[in-house]
Amino acid sequence: MSTVLSCYLLGWMMTTIGLALAAGKLNDRVAPQSRPIPFAVGAGAVWPLMLLGAAQFATVALVLNAIRRRTDDPHPATTAEFDELLAATA
């Protein structure tokens, strides 16, 4: 089995187990979720996409921070839209 496939399957298994445990701990006792295990398996399958999205967001944030440091203006026009997006999600 290739290393990439092994890493993917290991990540899938760890993510699925972690999400299943978290779903059990954080589940509402009055109205529990009907099927938390299939949700955990599905979320475990897409863990690389979440990791890539987080890495992309971090890269954009680092680049914009570097732009802010190089200019005298703390909010240059190139980062105004990004600031609005951050404010909207906070």
Protein backbone atom coordinates (compact mmCIF):
# COMPACT_ATOMS: atom_id res chain seq x y z
CA MET A 1 0.00 0.00 0.00
CA SER A 2 1.36 3.43 -0.86
CA THR A 3 2.37 5.93 1.79
CA VAL A 4 -0.16 8.52 0.62
CA LEU A 5 -3.02 6.04 0.81
CA SER A 6 -1.86 4.85 4.23
CA CYS A 7 -1.71 8.42 5.54
CA TYR A 8 -5.15 9.18 4.12
CA LEU A 9 -6.70 6.08 5.69
CA LEU A 10 -4.98 6.75 9.02
CA GLY A 11 -6.24 10.34 8.97
CA TRP A 12 -9.73 9.14 8.05
CA MET A 13 -9.74 6.68 10.93
CA MET A 14 -8.44 9.21 13.48
CA THR A 15 -10.88 11.90 12.33
CA THR A 16 -13.81 9.49 12.40
CA ILE A 17 -12.97 8.26 15.89
CA GLY A 18 -12.43 11.81 17.16
CA LEU A 19 -15.70 13.05 15.69
CA ALA A 20 -17.62 10.04 16.98
CA LEU A 21 -16.27 10.63 20.50
CA ALA A 22 -17.00 14.36 20.26
CA ALA A 23 -20.52 13.67 19.01
CA GLY A 24 -21.11 11.37 21.96
CA LYS A 25 -19.81 13.95 24.44
CA LEU A 26 -21.46 17.01 22.91
CA ASN A 27 -24.74 15.35 21.95
CA ASP A 28 -27.95 16.83 23.36
CA ARG A 29 -29.36 14.47 25.97
CA VAL A 30 -32.98 15.57 25.40
CA ALA A 31 -32.99 15.39 21.59
CA PRO A 32 -29.96 13.33 20.50
CA GLN A 33 -28.82 13.24 16.90
CA SER A 34 -30.33 10.26 15.11
CA ARG A 35 -27.16 8.95 13.40
CA PRO A 36 -23.86 10.49 14.57
CA ILE A 37 -21.65 7.64 13.32
CA PRO A 38 -22.41 8.02 9.56
CA PHE A 39 -21.84 11.75 9.94
CA ALA A 40 -18.46 11.09 11.59
CA VAL A 41 -17.49 8.64 8.82
CA GLY A 42 -18.48 11.13 6.11
CA ALA A 43 -16.63 13.98 7.81
CA GLY A 44 -13.62 11.72 8.24
CA ALA A 45 -13.59 11.05 4.51
CA VAL A 46 -13.24 14.75 3.65
CA TRP A 47 -10.60 15.64 6.25
CA PRO A 48 -7.95 16.46 3.60
CA LEU A 49 -10.26 19.12 2.12
CA MET A 50 -10.66 20.75 5.52
CA LEU A 51 -6.91 20.64 6.07
CA LEU A 52 -6.23 22.21 2.66
CA GLY A 53 -8.85 24.90 3.30
CA ALA A 54 -7.29 25.77 6.65
CA ALA A 55 -3.81 25.89 5.07
CA GLN A 56 -5.06 28.14 2.28
CA PHE A 57 -6.73 30.50 4.75
CA ALA A 58 -3.56 30.65 6.85
CA THR A 59 -1.46 31.39 3.77
CA VAL A 60 -3.73 34.24 2.70
CA ALA A 61 -3.67 35.66 6.23
CA LEU A 62 0.15 35.50 6.34
CA VAL A 63 0.52 37.20 2.95
CA LEU A 64 -1.89 39.97 3.91
CA ASN A 65 -0.08 40.44 7.21
CA ALA A 66 3.20 40.77 5.30
CA ILE A 67 1.60 43.39 3.02
CA ARG A 68 0.41 45.35 6.05
CA ARG A 69 3.88 45.31 7.59
CA ARG A 70 5.56 46.57 4.40
CA THR A 71 3.21 49.52 3.95
CA ASP A 72 2.69 52.50 6.22
CA ASP A 73 -1.08 52.21 5.92
CA PRO A 74 -2.37 49.57 8.39
CA HIS A 75 -5.36 48.91 6.09
CA PRO A 76 -4.28 49.17 2.46
CA ALA A 77 -6.92 48.72 -0.22
CA THR A 78 -5.71 45.19 -0.97
CA THR A 79 -6.64 44.00 2.51
CA ALA A 80 -9.87 45.95 3.08
CA GLU A 81 -12.03 43.23 1.56
CA PHE A 82 -10.29 40.56 3.62
CA ASP A 83 -10.89 42.60 6.78
CA GLU A 84 -14.58 42.82 5.91
CA LEU A 85 -14.72 39.04 5.46
CA LEU A 86 -13.02 38.48 8.79
CA ALA A 87 -15.39 40.90 10.53
CA ALA A 88 -18.39 39.15 8.99
CA THR A 89 -17.30 35.73 10.24
CA ALA A 90 -16.37 36.87 13.75
